[in-house]
Amino acid sequence: MLHPDGPAREDVAAARGKAGLIQFTRATAVIYVAEGIRLNCVVPGLMQAPLLDNLVQKYAKDDPEAFLPRRNNQIPMKYMGSGWDTAHAVLFLANDESCYVTGTESIVDSGLIAATP
């Protein structure tokens, strides 16, 4: 997660959990592919959600109104997504049109990971 002042310590635990889940998805997908079972992982970025309110309180107590424009400016598309953006990725993976997709992660973050050096 990208914070205005750089990475936070608690990000280590979150990153470890996400990496473990992604690797679990890959390994399990290989095991079950012969049975016609597909496994994929959706990895959402920071979205407009209640968690965002907690981050604003934690990292922008002095100026919460400036947090969102500053955060949006860090995102390639210049705005945060919503739960619907994540839901649309899940719906695609649940649809027959994704029948050849398995063992991968779908990153829904406006290109933030791709743009981060």
Protein backbone atom coordinates (compact mmCIF):
# COMPACT_ATOMS: atom_id res chain seq x y z
CA MET A 1 0.00 0.00 0.00
CA LEU A 2 1.39 3.39 -0.92
CA HIS A 3 1.23 5.94 1.89
CA PRO A 4 1.91 9.65 1.51
CA ASP A 5 5.07 9.35 3.62
CA GLY A 6 6.28 6.04 2.16
CA PRO A 7 5.76 2.44 3.27
CA ALA A 8 4.54 1.74 6.78
CA ARG A 9 5.71 -1.11 9.04
CA GLU A 10 2.33 -2.84 9.02
CA ASP A 11 2.65 -3.18 5.25
CA VAL A 12 5.15 -6.02 5.78
CA ALA A 13 2.47 -8.30 7.23
CA ALA A 14 -0.03 -7.35 4.54
CA ALA A 15 2.52 -7.92 1.78
CA ARG A 16 3.47 -11.30 3.21
CA GLY A 17 -0.18 -12.33 3.36
CA LYS A 18 -0.88 -11.21 -0.21
CA ALA A 19 2.23 -12.95 -1.56
CA GLY A 20 1.27 -16.15 0.24
CA LEU A 21 -2.27 -16.04 -1.13
CA ILE A 22 -1.03 -15.43 -4.68
CA GLN A 23 1.42 -18.35 -4.48
CA PHE A 24 -1.27 -20.57 -2.93
CA THR A 25 -3.55 -19.68 -5.86
CA ARG A 26 -0.88 -20.62 -8.40
CA ALA A 27 0.03 -23.92 -6.75
CA THR A 28 -3.58 -24.94 -6.14
CA ALA A 29 -4.61 -24.02 -9.70
CA VAL A 30 -2.03 -26.46 -11.07
CA ILE A 31 -3.30 -29.22 -8.79
CA TYR A 32 -6.96 -28.83 -9.79
CA VAL A 33 -6.71 -27.81 -13.46
CA ALA A 34 -7.11 -31.43 -14.64
CA GLU A 35 -10.48 -31.54 -12.87
CA GLY A 36 -11.70 -28.47 -14.74
CA ILE A 37 -11.41 -26.23 -11.69
CA ARG A 38 -9.90 -22.80 -12.24
CA LEU A 39 -8.40 -20.73 -9.44
CA ASN A 40 -7.47 -17.08 -9.70
CA CYS A 41 -6.80 -14.27 -7.26
CA VAL A 42 -8.10 -10.71 -7.50
CA VAL A 43 -5.74 -8.14 -5.96
CA PRO A 44 -7.48 -4.80 -5.45
CA GLY A 45 -5.58 -1.58 -4.90
CA LEU A 46 -6.68 1.13 -2.52
CA MET A 47 -10.36 1.71 -3.21
CA GLN A 48 -12.94 4.18 -1.99
CA ALA A 49 -14.08 2.17 1.02
CA PRO A 50 -14.38 2.39 4.82
CA LEU A 51 -10.70 1.36 5.11
CA LEU A 52 -9.82 4.62 3.40
CA ASP A 53 -11.46 6.60 6.21
CA ASN A 54 -9.20 4.81 8.71
CA LEU A 55 -6.12 5.66 6.64
CA VAL A 56 -7.14 9.31 6.40
CA GLN A 57 -7.52 9.46 10.18
CA LYS A 58 -4.17 7.74 10.69
CA TYR A 59 -2.01 9.51 8.12
CA ALA A 60 -3.70 12.86 7.53
CA LYS A 61 -5.01 14.00 10.90
CA ASP A 62 -3.66 17.50 10.34
CA ASP A 63 -5.24 17.98 6.89
CA PRO A 64 -7.73 15.24 5.90
CA GLU A 65 -9.13 17.31 3.01
CA ALA A 66 -5.73 17.32 1.29
CA PHE A 67 -5.27 13.55 1.60
CA LEU A 68 -7.61 12.43 -1.20
CA PRO A 69 -6.30 14.81 -3.90
CA ARG A 70 -2.72 13.90 -2.94
CA ARG A 71 -3.57 10.18 -3.00
CA ASN A 72 -5.42 10.46 -6.31
CA ASN A 73 -2.40 12.21 -7.81
CA GLN A 74 -0.26 9.13 -6.99
CA ILE A 75 -2.56 6.85 -9.00
CA PRO A 76 -1.96 6.55 -12.78
CA MET A 77 -5.66 7.10 -13.62
CA LYS A 78 -5.79 9.94 -11.06
CA TYR A 79 -8.75 8.54 -9.12
CA MET A 80 -9.39 5.67 -6.75
CA GLY A 81 -11.61 2.84 -7.85
CA SER A 82 -14.69 1.53 -6.13
CA GLY A 83 -15.84 -1.87 -5.02
CA TRP A 84 -17.56 -2.17 -8.39
CA ASP A 85 -14.21 -2.13 -10.16
CA THR A 86 -13.12 -5.14 -8.12
CA ALA A 87 -16.50 -6.81 -8.59
CA HIS A 88 -16.24 -6.48 -12.38
CA ALA A 89 -12.88 -8.28 -12.34
CA VAL A 90 -14.41 -11.07 -10.25
CA LEU A 91 -17.41 -11.32 -12.58
CA PHE A 92 -15.09 -11.67 -15.57
CA LEU A 93 -13.19 -14.50 -13.87
CA ALA A 94 -16.46 -16.22 -12.97
CA ASN A 95 -17.69 -15.95 -16.57
CA ASP A 96 -17.15 -18.59 -19.26
CA GLU A 97 -15.25 -15.99 -21.30
CA SER A 98 -12.32 -16.46 -18.91
CA CYS A 99 -12.28 -20.25 -19.36
CA TYR A 100 -8.57 -20.23 -20.30
CA VAL A 101 -7.50 -18.14 -17.30
CA THR A 102 -6.20 -19.98 -14.24
CA GLY A 103 -3.42 -19.69 -11.69
CA THR A 104 -3.00 -15.96 -12.03
CA GLU A 105 -3.69 -12.76 -10.17
CA SER A 106 -5.80 -9.95 -11.59
CA ILE A 107 -4.50 -6.67 -10.24
CA VAL A 108 -7.20 -3.98 -10.06
CA ASP A 109 -5.21 -0.88 -9.11
CA SER A 110 -5.28 1.61 -12.03
CA GLY A 111 -1.75 0.55 -12.99
CA LEU A 112 -0.22 1.63 -9.67
CA ILE A 113 1.98 -1.46 -9.28
CA ALA A 114 3.11 -1.21 -12.90
CA ALA A 115 4.01 2.46 -12.43
CA THR A 116 5.88 1.95 -9.15
CA PRO A 117 9.66 1.61 -9.62
